[in-house]
Protein backbone atom coordinates (compact mmCIF):
# COMPACT_ATOMS: atom_id res chain seq x y z
CA MET A 1 0.06 -0.08 0.30
CA PRO A 2 1.40 3.34 -0.72
CA THR A 3 2.15 6.29 1.86
CA LEU A 4 0.14 9.21 2.29
CA LEU A 5 2.70 11.36 0.80
CA GLU A 6 3.01 8.83 -2.45
CA ALA A 7 -0.92 9.00 -2.75
CA LEU A 8 -0.73 12.73 -2.38
CA THR A 9 2.20 13.58 -4.73
CA LYS A 10 0.57 11.53 -7.68
CA ARG A 11 -0.21 13.23 -10.78
CA ASN A 12 -3.68 15.17 -11.36
CA VAL A 13 -5.80 14.25 -14.18
CA ALA A 14 -5.44 16.13 -17.15
CA VAL A 15 -8.10 18.78 -17.45
CA ASN A 16 -9.30 19.93 -21.09
CA SER A 17 -10.24 23.61 -20.61
CA GLN A 18 -10.43 24.73 -24.23
CA ALA A 19 -14.16 25.31 -24.15
CA VAL A 20 -13.70 27.88 -21.48
CA VAL A 21 -14.78 31.72 -22.23
CA GLY A 22 -12.77 34.62 -20.20
CA GLY A 23 -14.97 37.26 -18.53
CA SER A 24 -15.55 39.21 -15.41
CA ASN A 25 -15.42 37.71 -11.97
CA THR A 26 -17.93 38.94 -9.07
CA THR A 27 -18.06 41.79 -7.47
CA THR A 28 -18.17 41.61 -3.63
CA GLU A 29 -19.36 44.19 -1.09
CA THR A 30 -15.96 44.38 1.27
CA TYR A 31 -13.94 47.16 2.29
CA ILE A 32 -11.00 44.33 2.17
CA GLU A 33 -9.28 45.91 -0.48
CA PRO A 34 -5.92 43.85 -1.28
CA GLY A 35 -3.30 46.49 -3.32
CA GLY A 36 -0.94 43.55 -3.35
CA TRP A 37 0.64 40.16 -1.90
CA ARG A 38 3.91 38.66 -0.98
CA MET A 39 4.99 35.65 -1.23
CA TRP A 40 4.67 33.06 1.33
CA ASP A 41 8.04 31.35 1.44
CA GLU A 42 7.34 28.69 4.09
CA PHE A 43 4.95 27.32 2.37
CA ASN A 44 7.02 24.30 0.63
CA TYR A 45 7.78 21.03 0.49
CA ASP A 46 10.77 20.84 2.55
CA THR A 47 8.71 22.74 5.44
CA LEU A 48 5.63 20.69 5.08
CA THR A 49 6.90 17.21 5.04
CA ARG A 50 9.43 18.03 7.45
CA ILE A 51 6.72 19.24 10.01
CA PHE A 52 4.37 16.51 9.23
CA ARG A 53 6.86 13.91 8.33
CA ARG A 54 5.12 10.79 10.18
CA LYS A 55 2.05 11.15 9.48
CA LEU A 56 2.83 11.67 5.90
CA ALA A 57 5.04 8.06 6.07
CA SER A 58 1.64 6.20 7.31
CA GLU A 59 -0.43 4.35 5.29
CA TYR A 60 -2.65 5.44 2.90
CA ARG A 61 -6.21 3.24 3.30
CA GLY A 62 -8.36 5.31 0.73
CA SER A 63 -9.55 3.90 -2.83
CA SER A 64 -7.36 4.25 -6.00
CA GLU A 65 -8.34 7.00 -7.98
CA PRO A 66 -11.43 6.33 -10.28
CA LEU A 67 -10.85 6.25 -14.03
CA ALA A 68 -11.32 9.23 -15.66
CA LEU A 69 -13.78 9.43 -18.81
CA GLU A 70 -12.92 11.56 -21.49
CA LEU A 71 -15.77 13.70 -20.72
CA ASP A 72 -15.12 13.82 -17.09
CA LEU A 73 -12.33 15.98 -17.96
CA VAL A 74 -14.14 18.90 -20.30
CA VAL A 75 -14.11 22.11 -18.08
CA ASN A 76 -15.99 24.98 -19.74
CA ASN A 77 -17.45 26.93 -16.39
CA GLU A 78 -16.92 26.62 -12.54
CA GLU A 79 -19.54 24.14 -11.92
CA THR A 80 -17.81 21.43 -14.07
CA LEU A 81 -14.60 22.39 -12.64
CA GLU A 82 -15.78 21.78 -9.27
CA ASP A 83 -17.57 18.34 -10.50
CA LEU A 84 -14.00 17.40 -11.57
CA LEU A 85 -12.22 18.53 -8.44
CA ARG A 86 -14.80 16.40 -6.40
CA ARG A 87 -14.42 13.64 -8.09
CA PHE A 88 -10.67 13.41 -8.98
CA VAL A 89 -8.67 15.67 -6.20
CA SER A 90 -10.95 15.81 -2.64
CA PRO A 91 -11.69 12.08 -2.30
CA CYS A 92 -7.58 11.54 -2.30
CA VAL A 93 -7.21 14.40 0.29
CA ASN A 94 -10.27 13.29 2.26
CA TYR A 95 -8.88 9.53 2.83
CA ALA A 96 -5.67 11.06 4.01
CA LEU A 97 -7.44 13.45 6.44
CA GLU A 98 -9.93 10.43 7.81
CA HIS A 99 -8.17 9.02 10.60
CA GLN A 100 -6.42 12.61 11.41
CA GLN A 101 -7.43 14.18 15.01
CA GLY A 102 -10.79 16.05 14.70
CA HIS A 103 -11.53 13.87 11.66
CA PRO A 104 -10.84 16.74 9.23
CA HIS A 105 -12.91 16.77 5.67
CA LEU A 106 -13.11 19.17 2.91
CA GLY A 107 -15.93 19.85 0.92
CA ARG A 108 -18.70 22.29 -0.02
CA GLY A 109 -18.99 25.57 1.55
CA SER A 110 -22.76 25.55 1.87
CA ARG A 111 -22.50 23.08 5.30
CA CYS A 112 -21.44 26.14 7.21
CA GLY A 113 -24.01 28.48 7.01
CA PHE A 114 -23.96 32.02 5.75
CA GLU A 115 -26.10 33.01 2.90
CA ASP A 116 -22.49 34.40 1.41
CA ARG A 117 -20.63 31.52 1.41
CA PRO A 118 -17.43 30.06 -0.52
CA ASP A 119 -17.28 27.38 -2.75
CA TRP A 120 -15.11 25.27 -0.45
CA SER A 121 -14.85 24.52 3.47
CA ALA A 122 -12.60 22.21 5.65
CA ILE A 123 -14.77 21.12 8.64
CA SER A 124 -13.70 19.00 11.49
CA THR A 125 -15.76 17.18 14.50
CA GLU A 126 -13.64 19.42 16.97
CA TYR A 127 -15.14 22.38 15.56
CA ILE A 128 -19.03 22.89 16.30
CA THR A 129 -20.11 26.53 16.42
CA GLU A 130 -22.82 27.83 19.02
CA HIS A 131 -25.55 26.90 16.54
CA GLY A 132 -24.74 23.36 16.14
CA GLN A 133 -23.27 23.74 12.66
CA PHE A 134 -19.75 22.78 11.17
CA ALA A 135 -17.30 25.87 11.79
CA ASN A 136 -15.21 26.49 8.27
CA ILE A 137 -11.82 26.34 9.62
CA LEU A 138 -10.14 26.61 5.95
CA PRO A 139 -12.84 28.51 2.93
CA GLY A 140 -12.14 28.10 -0.32
CA ASP A 141 -13.09 29.46 -3.83
CA THR A 142 -13.03 27.95 -7.21
CA LYS A 143 -12.32 30.12 -10.36
CA LEU A 144 -11.57 29.41 -13.93
CA ASP A 145 -7.80 30.27 -15.13
CA ALA A 146 -9.44 32.35 -18.21
CA LYS A 147 -11.17 34.62 -15.71
CA TRP A 148 -8.50 34.88 -12.27
CA SER A 149 -5.06 33.64 -12.22
CA PRO A 150 -1.84 34.81 -10.19
CA TRP A 151 0.22 36.76 -12.89
CA MET A 152 -3.03 39.34 -13.58
CA SER A 153 -1.59 41.13 -10.16
CA GLU A 154 1.41 42.59 -12.08
CA ASP A 155 -0.83 43.20 -14.87
CA MET A 156 -2.49 47.02 -15.00
CA GLY A 157 -5.46 45.67 -17.61
CA SER A 158 -6.25 42.48 -15.26
CA PHE A 159 -5.51 44.18 -11.74
CA ASN A 160 -9.34 45.02 -10.93
CA GLU A 161 -10.22 41.10 -11.88
CA TRP A 162 -7.53 39.96 -9.78
CA GLN A 163 -8.15 41.92 -6.55
CA LYS A 164 -12.18 41.18 -6.91
CA VAL A 165 -11.33 37.30 -5.96
CA LEU A 166 -8.65 37.96 -3.83
CA ALA A 167 -10.74 40.41 -1.99
CA GLN A 168 -13.47 37.89 -2.05
CA GLU A 169 -12.06 35.20 -0.32
CA LEU A 170 -9.99 37.10 2.21
CA THR A 171 -13.85 38.36 3.00
CA TYR A 172 -14.61 34.80 3.60
CA MET A 173 -11.46 34.03 5.88
CA ALA A 174 -12.11 37.37 7.80
CA ARG A 175 -16.20 36.17 8.17
CA TYR A 176 -14.87 32.46 9.90
CA ARG A 177 -11.94 34.00 11.68
CA THR A 178 -9.38 31.84 10.34
CA ARG A 179 -5.60 32.85 8.83
CA TYR A 180 -5.65 30.31 5.83
CA GLY A 181 -7.54 30.10 2.58
CA PHE A 182 -7.31 28.96 -0.99
CA ILE A 183 -8.11 29.67 -4.76
CA ILE A 184 -8.21 26.71 -6.90
CA THR A 185 -8.55 26.89 -10.75
CA ASP A 186 -7.98 24.43 -13.38
CA ALA A 187 -4.10 25.54 -13.52
CA ASN A 188 -3.41 26.07 -10.10
CA LEU A 189 -3.80 26.35 -6.39
CA VAL A 190 -3.18 29.13 -4.64
CA VAL A 191 -2.70 29.05 -0.74
CA LEU A 192 -3.20 32.26 1.16
CA ARG A 193 -2.60 33.57 4.84
CA ILE A 194 -3.79 36.95 6.32
CA THR A 195 -2.19 38.91 8.90
CA ARG A 196 -3.99 41.59 10.96
CA GLU A 197 -2.25 44.94 10.92
CA LEU A 198 -1.20 46.66 14.34
CA ILE A 199 -2.79 49.95 14.65
CA GLY A 200 -2.81 52.19 18.23
CA ALA A 201 -5.21 51.81 21.01
CA GLY A 202 -6.47 55.36 20.51
CA LEU A 203 -6.95 55.18 16.43
CA ALA A 204 -8.97 52.03 17.40
CA GLN A 205 -11.38 53.27 19.49
CA THR A 206 -12.13 56.62 17.48
CA ARG A 207 -11.89 55.03 14.31
CA PRO A 208 -15.01 55.32 12.27
CA ARG A 209 -17.03 52.37 11.03
CA ARG A 210 -16.35 51.33 7.49
CA GLU A 211 -19.19 50.79 4.77
CA PRO A 212 -18.59 48.24 2.57
CA ALA A 213 -17.38 49.01 -0.87
CA VAL A 214 -19.69 48.50 -3.96
CA SER A 215 -17.11 47.40 -6.15
CA VAL A 216 -13.65 46.52 -4.50
CA GLY A 217 -12.24 45.63 -8.33
CA HIS A 218 -12.23 49.33 -8.81
CA GLN A 219 -10.56 50.24 -5.24
CA ARG A 220 -7.16 51.44 -5.19
CA HIS A 221 -4.91 52.11 -2.14
CA SER A 222 -3.02 55.41 -2.02
CA SER A 223 0.61 54.83 -0.85
CA ASP A 224 -0.23 55.62 2.53
CA VAL A 225 -2.92 52.86 3.06
CA THR A 226 -2.84 49.63 3.97
CA MET A 227 -5.22 46.70 3.30
CA GLY A 228 -8.76 47.51 5.00
CA SER A 229 -8.28 50.86 6.23
CA GLY A 230 -10.08 53.87 4.62
CA ASP A 231 -12.94 56.31 5.41
CA GLY A 232 -16.49 55.53 6.70
CA SER A 233 -19.54 56.41 8.30
CA SER A 234 -20.24 57.94 11.72
CA SER A 235 -21.02 54.62 13.76
CA PHE A 236 -17.54 53.33 15.39
CA TYR A 237 -15.31 50.70 14.40
CA SER A 238 -15.42 47.23 16.78
CA ASP A 239 -12.42 45.32 17.57
CA ASP A 240 -14.26 42.24 17.79
CA SER A 241 -15.30 42.18 14.01
CA PRO A 242 -12.72 40.81 11.60
CA LEU A 243 -14.43 42.02 8.69
CA GLU A 244 -13.64 45.72 10.27
CA TRP A 245 -9.78 44.90 10.87
CA SER A 246 -7.20 46.10 9.06
CA TYR A 247 -4.83 43.52 7.10
CA HIS A 248 -1.44 43.56 5.66
CA ASP A 249 -1.58 42.42 2.05
CA PRO A 250 -1.62 38.67 2.27
CA GLU A 251 0.69 36.53 2.19
CA TYR A 252 0.26 33.51 -0.88
CA ALA A 253 1.82 30.50 -2.86
CA VAL A 254 1.11 29.53 -5.93
CA ILE A 255 1.30 25.28 -6.57
CA PRO A 256 0.70 23.90 -10.55
CA TRP A 257 -2.18 22.10 -11.22
CA ASN A 258 0.76 19.73 -13.22
CA ALA A 259 3.11 19.48 -10.62
CA HIS A 260 3.57 16.05 -9.30
CA GLY A 261 6.41 13.52 -8.02
CA LYS A 262 9.10 12.89 -5.86
CA GLU A 263 9.93 16.07 -3.28
CA VAL A 264 7.36 18.34 -5.18
CA LEU A 265 4.73 20.15 -3.61
CA THR A 266 1.23 19.20 -5.12
CA ILE A 267 -2.21 20.25 -5.20
CA LYS A 268 -3.50 17.41 -2.96
CA LEU A 269 -0.37 17.73 -0.47
CA ALA A 270 -0.68 21.57 0.06
CA LEU A 271 -4.60 20.97 0.38
CA TRP A 272 -3.93 18.45 3.07
CA SER A 273 -1.22 20.28 5.10
CA LEU A 274 -2.99 23.27 4.94
CA ILE A 275 -6.23 21.82 6.22
CA MET A 276 -4.18 19.83 9.08
CA MET A 277 -2.59 23.45 10.10
CA ALA A 278 -6.22 24.96 10.61
CA THR A 279 -7.44 21.72 12.56
CA SER A 280 -4.58 21.11 14.73
CA GLY A 281 -2.53 24.37 15.10
CA ASN A 282 -3.72 27.90 15.98
CA ARG A 283 -5.87 29.11 12.60
CA GLY A 284 -6.73 32.60 14.41
CA ILE A 285 -6.21 35.47 12.65
CA ASP A 286 -3.28 37.51 14.48
CA TYR A 287 -0.93 40.25 14.10
CA SER A 288 2.18 38.18 13.14
CA TYR A 289 2.90 34.53 13.43
CA PRO A 290 5.97 32.12 14.67
CA PRO A 291 7.67 30.33 11.43
CA LEU A 292 5.92 26.94 11.12
CA ASP A 293 8.71 24.84 11.89
CA SER A 294 9.07 26.18 15.48
CA TRP A 295 7.94 25.03 19.22
CA ARG A 296 6.98 26.78 22.34
CA TYR A 297 6.73 25.95 25.85
CA ASN A 298 3.30 25.73 27.53
CA GLY A 299 4.23 25.42 31.26
CA GLU A 300 4.22 21.71 31.14
CA GLY A 301 6.17 20.77 28.16
CA TYR A 302 6.96 21.78 24.53
CA VAL A 303 4.36 22.13 21.96
CA HIS A 304 4.92 22.52 18.01
CA ASN A 305 3.36 25.86 16.72
CA THR A 306 2.25 24.19 13.51
CA SER A 307 1.53 20.60 13.58
CA GLY A 308 0.19 20.00 17.43
CA ALA A 309 2.76 17.76 18.77
CA THR A 310 3.63 17.98 22.31
CA LYS A 311 6.68 16.45 23.66
CA ALA A 312 8.93 16.81 27.23
CA GLU A 313 12.13 17.16 25.80
CA LEU A 314 13.51 19.01 22.84
CA SER A 315 15.59 17.15 20.23
CA GLN A 316 18.34 18.48 18.47
CA GLY A 317 17.29 20.79 15.64
CA ASP A 318 14.24 21.72 17.16
CA HIS A 319 13.42 25.47 17.07
CA LEU A 320 12.37 26.89 20.11
CA LEU A 321 10.80 30.48 20.64
CA VAL A 322 11.00 32.25 23.78
CA GLU A 323 10.22 35.70 24.49
CA PRO A 324 11.16 38.35 26.68
CA ASN A 325 7.98 38.62 28.46
CA ALA A 326 4.58 36.53 29.18
CA MET A 327 3.15 38.35 25.99
CA SER A 328 2.16 36.44 23.06
CA TRP A 329 3.97 35.95 19.94
CA GLU A 330 2.87 39.38 18.12
CA GLY A 331 4.39 41.33 20.74
CA GLY A 332 7.87 39.45 21.43
CA GLN A 333 11.10 39.40 19.77
CA ASP A 334 11.94 38.78 16.06
CA VAL A 335 12.95 35.45 15.34
CA ASP A 336 16.33 36.05 15.04
CA ASP A 337 16.49 37.33 18.82
CA MET A 338 14.98 34.07 19.69
CA PRO A 339 16.94 31.65 21.77
CA GLN A 340 17.84 28.30 19.80
CA LEU A 341 18.57 25.26 20.91
CA THR A 342 22.42 24.32 21.64
CA HIS A 343 24.23 21.80 19.20
CA ASP A 344 24.07 19.13 22.10
CA GLY A 345 20.12 19.29 21.48
CA GLY A 346 19.09 21.24 24.78
CA THR A 347 17.46 24.46 24.80
CA SER A 348 19.42 27.92 25.83
CA SER A 349 19.69 29.17 28.97
CA ALA A 350 16.33 31.14 28.59
CA ASP A 351 13.61 31.18 31.47
CA PRO A 352 11.08 28.68 29.71
CA SER A 353 8.16 30.73 31.91
CA HIS A 354 8.75 33.53 29.33
CA ALA A 355 8.13 31.31 26.39
CA CYS A 356 5.32 31.87 23.80
CA GLN A 357 1.79 31.03 25.39
CA ARG A 358 -0.70 30.10 22.70
CA ASP A 359 -4.21 28.97 22.98
CA GLU A 360 -4.06 25.72 20.60
CA VAL A 361 -1.37 23.27 19.90
CA GLU A 362 0.08 21.21 17.21
CA ALA A 363 2.22 18.12 16.40
CA SER A 364 5.83 17.91 15.17
CA VAL A 365 8.49 15.90 13.91
CA GLY A 366 11.33 15.83 16.39
CA GLY A 367 14.91 15.05 15.90
CA SER A 368 15.45 16.87 12.83
CA SER A 369 19.28 18.01 12.36
CA ARG A 370 18.32 20.94 10.27
CA GLN A 371 17.26 24.01 12.10
CA ALA A 372 13.89 25.71 10.50
CA ALA A 373 13.93 28.53 8.61
CA GLN A 374 12.94 31.91 9.96
CA GLY A 375 9.83 33.81 9.20
CA PRO A 376 9.08 35.20 6.03
CA GLU A 377 9.11 39.09 7.19
CA ASP A 378 11.45 40.51 9.62
CA ASP A 379 8.51 42.87 10.32
CA ASP A 380 10.51 45.67 11.52
CA GLN A 381 7.69 48.38 11.46
CA LYS A 382 5.49 46.39 14.15
CA THR A 383 4.77 48.39 17.44
CA GLU A 384 7.26 47.57 20.18
CA PHE A 385 6.33 46.38 23.39
CA GLY A 386 8.00 45.83 26.87
CA SER A 387 11.48 47.09 27.87
CA PHE A 388 13.74 44.92 25.77
CA HIS A 389 16.31 46.65 24.40
CA ARG A 390 18.04 46.46 21.14
CA HIS A 391 21.17 47.31 19.35
CA HIS A 392 19.82 49.21 16.56
CA LYS A 393 21.75 48.68 13.30
CA ARG A 394 21.75 51.47 10.44
CA LYS A 395 20.66 50.06 7.07
CA LYS A 396 20.67 52.40 3.47
CA VAL A 397 17.48 51.19 1.57
CA ARG A 398 16.06 52.76 -1.76
CA ILE A 399 12.50 53.78 -1.67
CA GLU A 400 10.83 52.10 -4.54
CA LYS A 401 7.18 51.95 -6.05
CA HIS A 402 5.06 48.52 -7.02
CA LEU A 403 4.44 48.11 -10.42
CA VAL A 404 0.55 48.32 -10.21
CA THR A 405 -0.63 49.82 -7.09
CA ARG A 406 2.11 52.61 -7.25
CA LYS A 407 2.38 51.88 -3.46
CA LEU A 408 5.88 52.79 -1.86
CA TYR A 409 8.37 49.74 -0.39
CA TYR A 410 11.49 48.86 0.78
CA LEU A 411 13.61 46.01 1.32
CA ASN A 412 14.00 45.25 4.76
CA ALA A 413 17.11 43.22 6.53
CA ASN A 414 16.13 39.88 5.55
CA GLY A 415 15.57 41.09 1.92
CA ASP A 416 11.27 40.92 2.18
CA LYS A 417 9.58 43.93 0.76
CA VAL A 418 7.96 46.02 3.31
CA ASP A 419 5.19 48.28 2.23
CA THR A 420 5.63 51.99 3.58
CA GLY A 421 4.22 55.45 3.78
CA ARG A 422 6.07 59.13 3.65
CA ALA A 423 4.56 59.86 7.12
CA GLN A 424 6.68 57.08 8.98
CA TRP A 425 9.79 58.43 8.20
CA THR A 426 11.61 60.95 9.94
CA ARG A 427 13.46 64.00 8.31
CA VAL A 428 17.30 63.62 9.28
CA ASP A 429 20.55 64.98 7.74
CA GLY A 430 21.02 64.10 4.44
CA GLY A 431 17.43 62.04 4.29
CA TYR A 432 14.99 60.07 6.06
CA GLU A 433 14.89 57.20 8.81
CA LEU A 434 12.60 54.67 9.81
CA LYS A 435 13.05 52.90 13.20
CA GLY A 436 12.29 49.40 13.14
CA ARG A 437 13.14 47.10 16.07
CA LYS A 438 16.53 45.74 15.17
CA ASN A 439 17.55 48.09 12.95
CA VAL A 440 17.29 51.75 11.42
CA TYR A 441 16.54 52.40 7.91
CA PHE A 442 17.71 55.31 5.77
CA THR A 443 16.78 56.56 2.45
CA GLU A 444 18.25 59.45 0.73
CA GLN A 445 14.77 60.17 -1.33
CA PHE A 446 11.31 58.87 -1.87
CA PRO A 447 10.58 58.06 -5.70
CA HIS A 448 8.13 61.20 -7.60
């Protein structure tokens, strides 16, 4: 019998999309308006298979893929694409999920309530709403590649259509209070993670409630505005409503339909991993997230931040995150500041009572000799908490503009693009400075 990994990395059926006709996408009434997105570098084959190695090595107990008839593979609209996905993709994913904790399952979004609902949902017997319905822990949407594709984000003529679809999916994620989501087409799977933007308490209390945009596909950000910010009516902002929060532009990873084989991230493996992350790990929307392959101390033992595994002692190569105070990860140190394991496999001398304390847990693959990669962003602009003193290094940067949105950005110390605005910088001799948590960034001028 094949392993879960072998089953999830087999080739997908060949889709015939020749009959698909392009067109416009549905416009969603929302004030979540992405102006761009950034690569989710951590969501890759090596990281995911390292985290879930033991589970992926277990025996696949599902049935074999049904023989595809020629007309089964003809796609001419979203409904026929969903028929194909439910016959040839989701069954393998669900068989691989069946014996996992919580019995997660990928299926229709309509089983989770809400009149305005996504095409897909992942559910678990462990997550039931107060109304007795399954909670949608992973909303997803189906689109045709002829009408929506990742490359549209960098094409001026296609940007509005790209924005419409992404805004719709991000709205589903906010409504269901989950950081993860996906968009699947006949050419790609796009997995998404959304991160809340940190704003000051005073601003949050006085901030007006925003009215939904009638046509999100025709909205643009100024260079100083982040996703979800804007003007609105006289009623006040509620911090308990994710649909009204401000968000950074989302992270994304693209998995091609034809991806298959050994050591390749496939659509089925990506969906399975994302559902496992939403089921066993913490899926709530937050201001920042720890690296996927990392551990925290919960007062009794060590808990993996993504898979949920627990153990009394860490193994060599395990990546432990420790904070300078008892606050959550978002208020703590950068990944670079966290104590690491010694070469002997033990933890550093940091007090485990200061470790990252989160509400939910996940299981991991101990004993790896490789150190986990750092998180995808340095996040220098987030508000600094506590009295933890850092030595700031001055780094000269160049302010650039995004091709489509014309928003300003710079490359931080990790080489990641960070959106910025002129108001965030302080005028100094010879240019402008921006003080981050670990670096002071300097630029001579802003682009015209």
